[in-house]
Amino acid sequence: MTNADDASPPAQEVEALVRELEQAEAYEQRLRQIIVEARDQLAAGHTSVALSMLNEALSDIDAAADVVAPTDRQRSR
């Protein structure tokens, strides 16, 4: 008897998961870079610039909900 967990997922599903992981990693790197740049701006005394950068990052996070948590449309693919 074959257990459902032992079956390999279809290649398309694996490829989609790999793409999603790569996108998430790139997204994380962009956010980390913004944090580093904002920290540098704070250290230089440019508080308003740092705040603007972080606000923009928050807007990007809100707009990128499909990267952070896939939408139902993405899950059905």
N, C-alpha and C. Protein backbone atom coordinates (compact mmCIF):
# COMPACT_ATOMS: atom_id res chain seq x y z
N MET A 1 0.84 -1.18 0.00
CA MET A 1 0.00 0.00 0.00
C MET A 1 0.89 1.24 0.00
N THR A 2 0.57 2.22 -0.84
CA THR A 2 1.35 3.45 -0.96
C THR A 2 0.73 4.54 -0.12
N ASN A 3 1.56 5.18 0.66
CA ASN A 3 1.14 6.30 1.48
C ASN A 3 1.13 7.56 0.62
N ALA A 4 0.12 8.41 0.76
CA ALA A 4 0.00 9.63 -0.03
C ALA A 4 1.20 10.55 0.18
N ASP A 5 1.80 10.55 1.38
CA ASP A 5 2.96 11.38 1.67
C ASP A 5 4.19 10.91 0.93
N ASP A 6 4.23 9.64 0.52
CA ASP A 6 5.39 9.10 -0.18
C ASP A 6 5.40 9.48 -1.66
N ALA A 7 4.27 9.85 -2.20
CA ALA A 7 4.19 10.20 -3.61
C ALA A 7 4.90 11.53 -3.86
N SER A 8 5.64 11.59 -4.95
CA SER A 8 6.34 12.82 -5.31
C SER A 8 5.36 13.81 -5.93
N PRO A 9 5.49 15.09 -5.57
CA PRO A 9 4.60 16.08 -6.18
C PRO A 9 4.95 16.23 -7.65
N PRO A 10 4.00 16.66 -8.45
CA PRO A 10 4.26 16.88 -9.87
C PRO A 10 5.38 17.90 -10.08
N ALA A 11 6.13 17.74 -11.15
CA ALA A 11 7.26 18.63 -11.44
C ALA A 11 6.83 20.10 -11.50
N GLN A 12 5.66 20.37 -12.07
CA GLN A 12 5.17 21.75 -12.15
C GLN A 12 5.00 22.36 -10.77
N GLU A 13 4.50 21.57 -9.85
CA GLU A 13 4.30 22.08 -8.48
C GLU A 13 5.63 22.38 -7.82
N VAL A 14 6.61 21.50 -8.03
CA VAL A 14 7.93 21.72 -7.46
C VAL A 14 8.55 22.98 -8.05
N GLU A 15 8.44 23.14 -9.36
CA GLU A 15 8.98 24.34 -10.02
C GLU A 15 8.31 25.60 -9.50
N ALA A 16 7.01 25.55 -9.30
CA ALA A 16 6.28 26.72 -8.78
C ALA A 16 6.75 27.05 -7.37
N LEU A 17 6.96 26.04 -6.56
CA LEU A 17 7.43 26.27 -5.19
C LEU A 17 8.84 26.84 -5.18
N VAL A 18 9.69 26.35 -6.07
CA VAL A 18 11.05 26.87 -6.16
C VAL A 18 11.03 28.34 -6.58
N ARG A 19 10.20 28.68 -7.57
CA ARG A 19 10.07 30.08 -8.00
C ARG A 19 9.57 30.96 -6.86
N GLU A 20 8.59 30.45 -6.13
CA GLU A 20 8.04 31.22 -5.01
C GLU A 20 9.10 31.46 -3.94
N LEU A 21 9.91 30.44 -3.67
CA LEU A 21 10.98 30.58 -2.69
C LEU A 21 12.02 31.58 -3.16
N GLU A 22 12.38 31.53 -4.44
CA GLU A 22 13.35 32.49 -4.98
C GLU A 22 12.82 33.91 -4.89
N GLN A 23 11.54 34.10 -5.19
CA GLN A 23 10.93 35.42 -5.08
C GLN A 23 10.94 35.92 -3.64
N ALA A 24 10.63 35.03 -2.72
CA ALA A 24 10.62 35.40 -1.30
C ALA A 24 12.01 35.78 -0.82
N GLU A 25 13.02 35.05 -1.28
CA GLU A 25 14.39 35.36 -0.90
C GLU A 25 14.83 36.71 -1.46
N ALA A 26 14.48 36.98 -2.71
CA ALA A 26 14.82 38.28 -3.32
C ALA A 26 14.11 39.41 -2.58
N TYR A 27 12.87 39.18 -2.21
CA TYR A 27 12.08 40.16 -1.47
C TYR A 27 12.74 40.45 -0.12
N GLU A 28 13.16 39.39 0.56
CA GLU A 28 13.82 39.55 1.85
C GLU A 28 15.11 40.36 1.70
N GLN A 29 15.88 40.08 0.67
CA GLN A 29 17.13 40.82 0.45
C GLN A 29 16.86 42.30 0.20
N ARG A 30 15.81 42.61 -0.58
CA ARG A 30 15.47 44.02 -0.81
C ARG A 30 15.12 44.71 0.49
N LEU A 31 14.31 44.04 1.32
CA LEU A 31 13.93 44.65 2.60
C LEU A 31 15.13 44.84 3.52
N ARG A 32 16.02 43.86 3.54
CA ARG A 32 17.23 44.00 4.37
C ARG A 32 18.08 45.17 3.89
N GLN A 33 18.17 45.36 2.57
CA GLN A 33 18.95 46.47 2.04
C GLN A 33 18.34 47.81 2.44
N ILE A 34 17.04 47.89 2.41
CA ILE A 34 16.36 49.13 2.84
C ILE A 34 16.66 49.40 4.30
N ILE A 35 16.64 48.37 5.12
CA ILE A 35 16.93 48.54 6.55
C ILE A 35 18.35 49.05 6.76
N VAL A 36 19.29 48.49 6.02
CA VAL A 36 20.69 48.93 6.13
C VAL A 36 20.82 50.40 5.72
N GLU A 37 20.17 50.74 4.60
CA GLU A 37 20.25 52.13 4.13
C GLU A 37 19.56 53.08 5.10
N ALA A 38 18.45 52.68 5.67
CA ALA A 38 17.75 53.52 6.65
C ALA A 38 18.61 53.70 7.90
N ARG A 39 19.27 52.64 8.32
CA ARG A 39 20.16 52.73 9.49
C ARG A 39 21.30 53.72 9.22
N ASP A 40 21.84 53.66 7.99
CA ASP A 40 22.91 54.59 7.62
C ASP A 40 22.41 56.04 7.64
N GLN A 41 21.18 56.24 7.16
CA GLN A 41 20.61 57.59 7.17
C GLN A 41 20.40 58.07 8.61
N LEU A 42 19.95 57.18 9.49
CA LEU A 42 19.78 57.56 10.89
C LEU A 42 21.12 57.92 11.52
N ALA A 43 22.15 57.13 11.23
CA ALA A 43 23.48 57.39 11.78
C ALA A 43 24.02 58.73 11.29
N ALA A 44 23.64 59.12 10.08
CA ALA A 44 24.09 60.39 9.53
C ALA A 44 23.22 61.56 10.00
N GLY A 45 22.20 61.25 10.79
CA GLY A 45 21.34 62.30 11.33
C GLY A 45 20.19 62.69 10.41
N HIS A 46 19.93 61.89 9.40
CA HIS A 46 18.86 62.18 8.45
C HIS A 46 17.61 61.37 8.81
N THR A 47 17.01 61.75 9.91
CA THR A 47 15.86 61.02 10.43
C THR A 47 14.69 60.99 9.45
N SER A 48 14.41 62.13 8.84
CA SER A 48 13.26 62.18 7.93
C SER A 48 13.47 61.31 6.69
N VAL A 49 14.71 61.24 6.21
CA VAL A 49 15.01 60.39 5.05
C VAL A 49 14.81 58.92 5.43
N ALA A 50 15.32 58.54 6.60
CA ALA A 50 15.17 57.17 7.07
C ALA A 50 13.70 56.81 7.25
N LEU A 51 12.93 57.73 7.81
CA LEU A 51 11.51 57.49 8.01
C LEU A 51 10.79 57.32 6.67
N SER A 52 11.14 58.13 5.70
CA SER A 52 10.54 58.00 4.36
C SER A 52 10.88 56.65 3.74
N MET A 53 12.12 56.23 3.89
CA MET A 53 12.53 54.93 3.34
C MET A 53 11.75 53.79 3.99
N LEU A 54 11.58 53.86 5.29
CA LEU A 54 10.86 52.81 5.99
C LEU A 54 9.37 52.83 5.66
N ASN A 55 8.81 54.02 5.50
CA ASN A 55 7.40 54.12 5.09
C ASN A 55 7.20 53.54 3.70
N GLU A 56 8.14 53.79 2.81
CA GLU A 56 8.06 53.22 1.46
C GLU A 56 8.16 51.70 1.52
N ALA A 57 9.03 51.20 2.39
CA ALA A 57 9.15 49.75 2.56
C ALA A 57 7.84 49.15 3.07
N LEU A 58 7.20 49.83 4.00
CA LEU A 58 5.90 49.34 4.50
C LEU A 58 4.86 49.33 3.40
N SER A 59 4.87 50.34 2.55
CA SER A 59 3.94 50.37 1.41
C SER A 59 4.21 49.20 0.47
N ASP A 60 5.48 48.92 0.24
CA ASP A 60 5.85 47.77 -0.61
C ASP A 60 5.38 46.45 0.00
N ILE A 61 5.50 46.35 1.32
CA ILE A 61 5.06 45.13 2.01
C ILE A 61 3.55 44.96 1.83
N ASP A 62 2.80 46.04 2.00
CA ASP A 62 1.35 45.99 1.82
C ASP A 62 0.98 45.60 0.39
N ALA A 63 1.73 46.13 -0.58
CA ALA A 63 1.43 45.87 -1.99
C ALA A 63 1.86 44.47 -2.41
N ALA A 64 2.76 43.87 -1.68
CA ALA A 64 3.31 42.57 -2.06
C ALA A 64 2.74 41.45 -1.22
N ALA A 65 1.47 41.53 -0.91
CA ALA A 65 0.85 40.50 -0.05
C ALA A 65 0.98 39.11 -0.65
N ASP A 66 1.03 39.01 -1.98
CA ASP A 66 1.14 37.69 -2.60
C ASP A 66 2.50 37.07 -2.37
N VAL A 67 3.53 37.87 -2.10
CA VAL A 67 4.85 37.32 -1.79
C VAL A 67 4.87 36.85 -0.34
N VAL A 68 4.31 37.66 0.53
CA VAL A 68 4.31 37.34 1.96
C VAL A 68 3.32 36.21 2.27
N ALA A 69 2.13 36.30 1.73
CA ALA A 69 1.10 35.28 1.92
C ALA A 69 0.34 35.13 0.61
N PRO A 70 0.58 34.03 -0.09
CA PRO A 70 -0.06 33.86 -1.42
C PRO A 70 -1.57 34.04 -1.36
N THR A 71 -2.10 34.67 -2.39
CA THR A 71 -3.54 34.85 -2.48
C THR A 71 -4.19 33.55 -2.91
N ASP A 72 -5.49 33.44 -2.74
CA ASP A 72 -6.20 32.21 -3.13
C ASP A 72 -6.01 31.92 -4.62
N ARG A 73 -5.96 32.98 -5.43
CA ARG A 73 -5.77 32.80 -6.87
C ARG A 73 -4.43 32.12 -7.13
N GLN A 74 -3.39 32.50 -6.41
CA GLN A 74 -2.07 31.90 -6.61
C GLN A 74 -2.06 30.45 -6.13
N ARG A 75 -2.73 30.16 -5.06
CA ARG A 75 -2.73 28.80 -4.52
C ARG A 75 -3.41 27.82 -5.47
N SER A 76 -4.36 28.29 -6.26
CA SER A 76 -5.11 27.39 -7.13
C SER A 76 -4.34 27.03 -8.40
N ARG A 77 -3.22 27.66 -8.62
CA ARG A 77 -2.41 27.37 -9.82
C ARG A 77 -1.78 26.01 -9.76
